[in-house]
Amino acid sequence: MAQRAFDHWFNTLADPSY
């Protein structure tokens, strides 16, 4: 679960359009 949340959080940082 934590891994999923981290992946989502990192995605927001990696993709500014998201």
N, C-alpha and C. Protein backbone atom coordinates (compact mmCIF):
# COMPACT_ATOMS: atom_id res chain seq x y z
N MET A 1 0.83 -1.20 0.00
CA MET A 1 0.00 0.00 0.00
C MET A 1 0.88 1.26 0.00
N ALA A 2 1.89 1.25 0.85
CA ALA A 2 2.78 2.40 0.93
C ALA A 2 3.51 2.61 -0.41
N GLN A 3 3.89 1.50 -1.02
CA GLN A 3 4.58 1.58 -2.30
C GLN A 3 3.69 2.24 -3.35
N ARG A 4 2.41 1.91 -3.31
CA ARG A 4 1.45 2.46 -4.26
C ARG A 4 1.29 3.97 -4.06
N ALA A 5 1.22 4.36 -2.79
CA ALA A 5 1.06 5.77 -2.46
C ALA A 5 2.29 6.57 -2.87
N PHE A 6 3.46 5.99 -2.64
CA PHE A 6 4.71 6.66 -3.00
C PHE A 6 4.81 6.82 -4.51
N ASP A 7 4.40 5.80 -5.24
CA ASP A 7 4.44 5.82 -6.70
C ASP A 7 3.54 6.93 -7.23
N HIS A 8 2.38 7.06 -6.63
CA HIS A 8 1.44 8.09 -7.03
C HIS A 8 1.98 9.49 -6.70
N TRP A 9 2.56 9.62 -5.50
CA TRP A 9 3.13 10.90 -5.06
C TRP A 9 4.30 11.31 -5.96
N PHE A 10 5.14 10.35 -6.27
CA PHE A 10 6.30 10.64 -7.11
C PHE A 10 5.86 11.00 -8.53
N ASN A 11 4.77 10.39 -8.97
CA ASN A 11 4.24 10.68 -10.30
C ASN A 11 3.82 12.14 -10.41
N THR A 12 3.27 12.69 -9.36
CA THR A 12 2.84 14.09 -9.37
C THR A 12 4.04 15.02 -9.49
N LEU A 13 5.17 14.61 -8.92
CA LEU A 13 6.38 15.42 -8.98
C LEU A 13 7.08 15.26 -10.32
N ALA A 14 7.05 14.05 -10.84
CA ALA A 14 7.73 13.76 -12.10
C ALA A 14 6.96 14.33 -13.29
N ASP A 15 5.63 14.39 -13.15
CA ASP A 15 4.80 14.88 -14.25
C ASP A 15 4.00 16.11 -13.81
N PRO A 16 4.48 17.31 -14.10
CA PRO A 16 3.82 18.54 -13.69
C PRO A 16 2.43 18.71 -14.32
N SER A 17 2.21 18.06 -15.46
CA SER A 17 0.91 18.20 -16.12
C SER A 17 -0.14 17.34 -15.41
N TYR A 18 0.33 16.43 -14.58
CA TYR A 18 -0.59 15.59 -13.82
C TYR A 18 -1.06 16.35 -12.60
